[in-house]
N, C-alpha and C. Protein backbone atom coordinates (compact mmCIF):
# COMPACT_ATOMS: atom_id res chain seq x y z
N MET A 1 0.83 -1.19 0.00
CA MET A 1 0.00 0.00 0.00
C MET A 1 0.88 1.25 0.00
N LEU A 2 0.41 2.28 -0.69
CA LEU A 2 1.20 3.48 -0.91
C LEU A 2 1.56 4.21 0.38
N PHE A 3 0.60 4.38 1.27
CA PHE A 3 0.83 5.13 2.49
C PHE A 3 0.80 4.23 3.72
N SER A 4 1.31 3.02 3.60
CA SER A 4 1.28 2.11 4.75
C SER A 4 2.14 2.68 5.88
N GLY A 5 1.65 2.55 7.08
CA GLY A 5 2.37 3.07 8.23
C GLY A 5 2.09 4.54 8.50
N LEU A 6 1.29 5.17 7.65
CA LEU A 6 0.97 6.59 7.80
C LEU A 6 -0.46 6.69 8.35
N SER A 7 -0.61 7.36 9.47
CA SER A 7 -1.95 7.50 10.04
C SER A 7 -2.78 8.47 9.21
N PHE A 8 -4.07 8.41 9.39
CA PHE A 8 -4.97 9.30 8.67
C PHE A 8 -4.66 10.77 9.01
N ALA A 9 -4.38 11.04 10.27
CA ALA A 9 -4.05 12.41 10.70
C ALA A 9 -2.76 12.89 10.03
N ASP A 10 -1.77 12.00 9.89
CA ASP A 10 -0.53 12.37 9.21
C ASP A 10 -0.79 12.69 7.74
N LEU A 11 -1.62 11.89 7.10
CA LEU A 11 -1.94 12.12 5.70
C LEU A 11 -2.65 13.46 5.52
N ILE A 12 -3.61 13.75 6.37
CA ILE A 12 -4.33 15.02 6.30
C ILE A 12 -3.38 16.19 6.54
N SER A 13 -2.49 16.06 7.51
CA SER A 13 -1.55 17.16 7.78
C SER A 13 -0.59 17.36 6.61
N ARG A 14 -0.19 16.29 5.93
CA ARG A 14 0.66 16.43 4.74
C ARG A 14 -0.08 17.14 3.61
N ILE A 15 -1.33 16.80 3.44
CA ILE A 15 -2.11 17.44 2.38
C ILE A 15 -2.30 18.93 2.68
N ILE A 16 -2.58 19.27 3.92
CA ILE A 16 -2.72 20.68 4.30
C ILE A 16 -1.40 21.42 4.09
N ALA A 17 -0.30 20.81 4.49
CA ALA A 17 1.01 21.43 4.29
C ALA A 17 1.29 21.63 2.80
N LEU A 18 0.95 20.65 1.98
CA LEU A 18 1.14 20.76 0.54
C LEU A 18 0.34 21.93 -0.01
N LEU A 19 -0.93 22.01 0.37
CA LEU A 19 -1.78 23.09 -0.13
C LEU A 19 -1.22 24.46 0.24
N ILE A 20 -0.79 24.61 1.47
CA ILE A 20 -0.27 25.90 1.92
C ILE A 20 1.07 26.21 1.25
N ALA A 21 2.00 25.27 1.28
CA ALA A 21 3.36 25.53 0.78
C ALA A 21 3.37 25.85 -0.71
N ILE A 22 2.74 25.02 -1.51
CA ILE A 22 2.76 25.23 -2.96
C ILE A 22 1.99 26.49 -3.33
N THR A 23 0.83 26.69 -2.73
CA THR A 23 0.01 27.85 -3.06
C THR A 23 0.72 29.16 -2.72
N VAL A 24 1.25 29.25 -1.51
CA VAL A 24 1.93 30.48 -1.10
C VAL A 24 3.19 30.70 -1.95
N HIS A 25 3.93 29.64 -2.23
CA HIS A 25 5.16 29.73 -3.02
C HIS A 25 4.86 30.31 -4.42
N GLU A 26 3.90 29.71 -5.11
CA GLU A 26 3.59 30.16 -6.47
C GLU A 26 2.92 31.52 -6.48
N ALA A 27 2.06 31.79 -5.50
CA ALA A 27 1.43 33.11 -5.42
C ALA A 27 2.46 34.20 -5.16
N ALA A 28 3.51 33.88 -4.42
CA ALA A 28 4.58 34.86 -4.17
C ALA A 28 5.32 35.20 -5.46
N HIS A 29 5.56 34.20 -6.30
CA HIS A 29 6.16 34.49 -7.62
C HIS A 29 5.25 35.44 -8.41
N ALA A 30 3.95 35.12 -8.45
CA ALA A 30 3.00 35.93 -9.21
C ALA A 30 2.91 37.35 -8.65
N TRP A 31 2.84 37.46 -7.32
CA TRP A 31 2.71 38.77 -6.69
C TRP A 31 3.94 39.63 -6.95
N SER A 32 5.14 39.04 -6.81
CA SER A 32 6.35 39.84 -7.02
C SER A 32 6.47 40.28 -8.47
N ALA A 33 6.13 39.41 -9.41
CA ALA A 33 6.19 39.80 -10.83
C ALA A 33 5.20 40.94 -11.09
N PHE A 34 4.01 40.85 -10.52
CA PHE A 34 3.01 41.89 -10.70
C PHE A 34 3.47 43.21 -10.10
N ARG A 35 4.05 43.16 -8.90
CA ARG A 35 4.55 44.38 -8.25
C ARG A 35 5.69 45.03 -9.04
N LEU A 36 6.41 44.20 -9.80
CA LEU A 36 7.50 44.72 -10.63
C LEU A 36 7.02 45.19 -12.00
N GLY A 37 5.73 45.07 -12.26
CA GLY A 37 5.17 45.61 -13.50
C GLY A 37 4.71 44.59 -14.53
N ASP A 38 4.82 43.31 -14.25
CA ASP A 38 4.41 42.29 -15.21
C ASP A 38 3.00 41.79 -14.88
N PRO A 39 2.00 42.09 -15.73
CA PRO A 39 0.63 41.67 -15.46
C PRO A 39 0.29 40.26 -15.97
N THR A 40 1.27 39.54 -16.52
CA THR A 40 1.00 38.25 -17.15
C THR A 40 0.30 37.28 -16.20
N ALA A 41 0.82 37.08 -15.01
CA ALA A 41 0.22 36.14 -14.06
C ALA A 41 -1.19 36.59 -13.67
N LYS A 42 -1.39 37.88 -13.47
CA LYS A 42 -2.72 38.38 -13.12
C LYS A 42 -3.69 38.14 -14.26
N ASN A 43 -3.25 38.42 -15.47
CA ASN A 43 -4.12 38.22 -16.63
C ASN A 43 -4.51 36.76 -16.83
N MET A 44 -3.68 35.84 -16.35
CA MET A 44 -3.96 34.41 -16.49
C MET A 44 -4.61 33.82 -15.23
N GLY A 45 -5.00 34.69 -14.29
CA GLY A 45 -5.70 34.23 -13.10
C GLY A 45 -4.82 33.57 -12.06
N ARG A 46 -3.52 33.86 -12.09
CA ARG A 46 -2.59 33.21 -11.16
C ARG A 46 -2.23 34.09 -9.97
N LEU A 47 -2.73 35.31 -9.93
CA LEU A 47 -2.46 36.20 -8.80
C LEU A 47 -3.55 35.97 -7.75
N THR A 48 -3.52 34.78 -7.16
CA THR A 48 -4.56 34.35 -6.23
C THR A 48 -3.99 33.34 -5.24
N LEU A 49 -4.68 33.18 -4.12
CA LEU A 49 -4.31 32.14 -3.15
C LEU A 49 -5.20 30.91 -3.31
N ASN A 50 -5.87 30.78 -4.44
CA ASN A 50 -6.68 29.59 -4.73
C ASN A 50 -5.74 28.45 -5.10
N PRO A 51 -5.67 27.39 -4.28
CA PRO A 51 -4.74 26.29 -4.56
C PRO A 51 -4.96 25.63 -5.91
N LEU A 52 -6.20 25.61 -6.40
CA LEU A 52 -6.48 24.95 -7.68
C LEU A 52 -5.77 25.63 -8.84
N ARG A 53 -5.44 26.91 -8.70
CA ARG A 53 -4.74 27.64 -9.76
C ARG A 53 -3.24 27.36 -9.75
N HIS A 54 -2.72 26.81 -8.65
CA HIS A 54 -1.27 26.65 -8.50
C HIS A 54 -0.79 25.20 -8.41
N LEU A 55 -1.66 24.27 -8.10
CA LEU A 55 -1.23 22.88 -7.90
C LEU A 55 -1.12 22.13 -9.23
N ASP A 56 -0.02 21.44 -9.41
CA ASP A 56 0.16 20.54 -10.54
C ASP A 56 -0.20 19.14 -10.02
N PRO A 57 -1.10 18.42 -10.69
CA PRO A 57 -1.53 17.12 -10.16
C PRO A 57 -0.38 16.14 -9.93
N LEU A 58 0.50 15.99 -10.90
CA LEU A 58 1.61 15.05 -10.75
C LEU A 58 2.60 15.55 -9.70
N GLY A 59 2.90 16.84 -9.70
CA GLY A 59 3.82 17.40 -8.71
C GLY A 59 3.29 17.26 -7.30
N SER A 60 1.98 17.40 -7.13
CA SER A 60 1.37 17.24 -5.80
C SER A 60 1.44 15.80 -5.33
N LEU A 61 1.14 14.87 -6.24
CA LEU A 61 1.22 13.45 -5.89
C LEU A 61 2.64 13.06 -5.52
N MET A 62 3.61 13.53 -6.29
CA MET A 62 5.01 13.21 -6.01
C MET A 62 5.44 13.79 -4.66
N LEU A 63 4.95 14.96 -4.32
CA LEU A 63 5.31 15.56 -3.04
C LEU A 63 4.77 14.71 -1.88
N LEU A 64 3.56 14.22 -2.04
CA LEU A 64 2.99 13.37 -0.99
C LEU A 64 3.69 12.02 -0.90
N VAL A 65 4.05 11.45 -2.05
CA VAL A 65 4.62 10.10 -2.09
C VAL A 65 6.12 10.11 -1.84
N ALA A 66 6.84 10.98 -2.55
CA ALA A 66 8.31 10.95 -2.52
C ALA A 66 8.94 12.08 -1.72
N GLY A 67 8.15 13.08 -1.36
CA GLY A 67 8.72 14.20 -0.62
C GLY A 67 9.33 15.27 -1.50
N VAL A 68 9.24 15.10 -2.82
CA VAL A 68 9.75 16.09 -3.78
C VAL A 68 8.64 16.34 -4.78
N GLY A 69 8.25 17.59 -4.95
CA GLY A 69 7.17 17.89 -5.87
C GLY A 69 7.29 19.29 -6.42
N TRP A 70 6.25 19.74 -7.12
CA TRP A 70 6.28 21.05 -7.76
C TRP A 70 4.86 21.54 -7.99
N GLY A 71 4.75 22.84 -8.21
CA GLY A 71 3.48 23.45 -8.58
C GLY A 71 3.54 23.86 -10.03
N LYS A 72 2.44 24.42 -10.52
CA LYS A 72 2.43 24.93 -11.89
C LYS A 72 3.33 26.16 -11.94
N PRO A 73 4.21 26.24 -12.93
CA PRO A 73 5.05 27.43 -13.04
C PRO A 73 4.20 28.68 -13.31
N VAL A 74 4.55 29.76 -12.68
CA VAL A 74 3.85 31.03 -12.91
C VAL A 74 4.41 31.67 -14.18
N PRO A 75 3.54 32.05 -15.12
CA PRO A 75 4.03 32.69 -16.34
C PRO A 75 4.52 34.10 -16.04
N VAL A 76 5.71 34.40 -16.53
CA VAL A 76 6.34 35.70 -16.30
C VAL A 76 6.93 36.19 -17.61
N ASN A 77 6.71 37.47 -17.93
CA ASN A 77 7.35 38.09 -19.08
C ASN A 77 8.32 39.14 -18.56
N PRO A 78 9.62 38.82 -18.53
CA PRO A 78 10.59 39.75 -17.93
C PRO A 78 10.69 41.09 -18.64
N TRP A 79 10.22 41.17 -19.88
CA TRP A 79 10.31 42.45 -20.60
C TRP A 79 9.27 43.45 -20.10
N ASN A 80 8.33 43.01 -19.30
CA ASN A 80 7.34 43.92 -18.71
C ASN A 80 7.81 44.54 -17.40
N PHE A 81 8.91 44.05 -16.84
CA PHE A 81 9.38 44.57 -15.56
C PHE A 81 9.82 46.02 -15.69
N ARG A 82 9.55 46.80 -14.63
CA ARG A 82 10.04 48.19 -14.60
C ARG A 82 11.54 48.23 -14.35
N THR A 83 12.07 47.17 -13.74
CA THR A 83 13.52 47.04 -13.54
C THR A 83 14.10 46.32 -14.75
N SER A 84 15.37 46.03 -14.71
CA SER A 84 15.96 45.25 -15.80
C SER A 84 15.38 43.84 -15.78
N PRO A 85 15.29 43.18 -16.93
CA PRO A 85 14.74 41.82 -16.96
C PRO A 85 15.49 40.86 -16.04
N LYS A 86 16.82 40.98 -15.99
CA LYS A 86 17.60 40.09 -15.12
C LYS A 86 17.29 40.32 -13.65
N ALA A 87 17.27 41.57 -13.23
CA ALA A 87 16.98 41.88 -11.83
C ALA A 87 15.56 41.47 -11.47
N GLY A 88 14.61 41.72 -12.36
CA GLY A 88 13.23 41.34 -12.11
C GLY A 88 13.06 39.84 -11.97
N MET A 89 13.74 39.08 -12.83
CA MET A 89 13.65 37.62 -12.74
C MET A 89 14.30 37.12 -11.45
N ALA A 90 15.39 37.75 -11.04
CA ALA A 90 16.05 37.34 -9.80
C ALA A 90 15.12 37.56 -8.61
N ILE A 91 14.49 38.72 -8.57
CA ILE A 91 13.58 39.04 -7.46
C ILE A 91 12.37 38.11 -7.48
N THR A 92 11.79 37.91 -8.65
CA THR A 92 10.62 37.04 -8.79
C THR A 92 10.96 35.60 -8.42
N SER A 93 12.11 35.13 -8.83
CA SER A 93 12.54 33.76 -8.51
C SER A 93 12.76 33.59 -7.01
N PHE A 94 13.32 34.60 -6.37
CA PHE A 94 13.62 34.53 -4.94
C PHE A 94 12.36 34.61 -4.08
N ALA A 95 11.29 35.20 -4.61
CA ALA A 95 10.07 35.41 -3.82
C ALA A 95 9.44 34.10 -3.35
N GLY A 96 9.46 33.06 -4.18
CA GLY A 96 8.85 31.78 -3.81
C GLY A 96 9.54 31.13 -2.62
N PRO A 97 10.86 30.87 -2.71
CA PRO A 97 11.55 30.28 -1.57
C PRO A 97 11.49 31.15 -0.31
N LEU A 98 11.55 32.47 -0.48
CA LEU A 98 11.44 33.35 0.68
C LEU A 98 10.08 33.19 1.36
N SER A 99 9.04 33.07 0.57
CA SER A 99 7.71 32.88 1.15
C SER A 99 7.62 31.57 1.93
N ASN A 100 8.30 30.53 1.45
CA ASN A 100 8.32 29.26 2.18
C ASN A 100 9.03 29.41 3.52
N LEU A 101 10.10 30.18 3.56
CA LEU A 101 10.80 30.41 4.83
C LEU A 101 9.92 31.18 5.81
N VAL A 102 9.19 32.16 5.30
CA VAL A 102 8.29 32.94 6.16
C VAL A 102 7.18 32.04 6.72
N VAL A 103 6.58 31.22 5.86
CA VAL A 103 5.52 30.31 6.33
C VAL A 103 6.09 29.33 7.35
N ALA A 104 7.28 28.80 7.10
CA ALA A 104 7.90 27.85 8.04
C ALA A 104 8.15 28.52 9.39
N ALA A 105 8.62 29.76 9.38
CA ALA A 105 8.86 30.47 10.63
C ALA A 105 7.55 30.71 11.39
N LEU A 106 6.50 31.10 10.68
CA LEU A 106 5.21 31.34 11.33
C LEU A 106 4.63 30.05 11.92
N VAL A 107 4.71 28.97 11.16
CA VAL A 107 4.19 27.69 11.65
C VAL A 107 4.99 27.21 12.85
N SER A 108 6.31 27.38 12.80
CA SER A 108 7.13 26.93 13.94
C SER A 108 6.81 27.73 15.20
N LEU A 109 6.47 29.00 15.05
CA LEU A 109 6.06 29.79 16.21
C LEU A 109 4.72 29.32 16.75
N LEU A 110 3.83 28.92 15.86
CA LEU A 110 2.50 28.46 16.29
C LEU A 110 2.54 27.12 17.00
N ILE A 111 3.39 26.21 16.54
CA ILE A 111 3.40 24.87 17.14
C ILE A 111 4.38 24.75 18.30
N ARG A 112 5.14 25.76 18.53
CA ARG A 112 6.14 25.75 19.60
C ARG A 112 5.56 25.78 20.94
């Protein structure tokens, strides 16, 4: 069995963690690109905290099963940035992992 040895509560907590982590990560990419002047993600409905807009089915399954997964990539057009395309892409790329660190810090404070 795929999740043998995993309690129902553990499975539910993993699913909740997946929903929060992937959604916040991808939304942070979209938000930072939008703040830098690129409306692409907003125009495609990705500037949202709706998990259905950010979850990749295979990436979500892999995260639950193997511990490594991914969300749908946020579309970004670096030529729309008010900054240089390189700087804008660097900031947008960094926003996702930074958001994960912020969420991890907040959750660790809550469960402490």
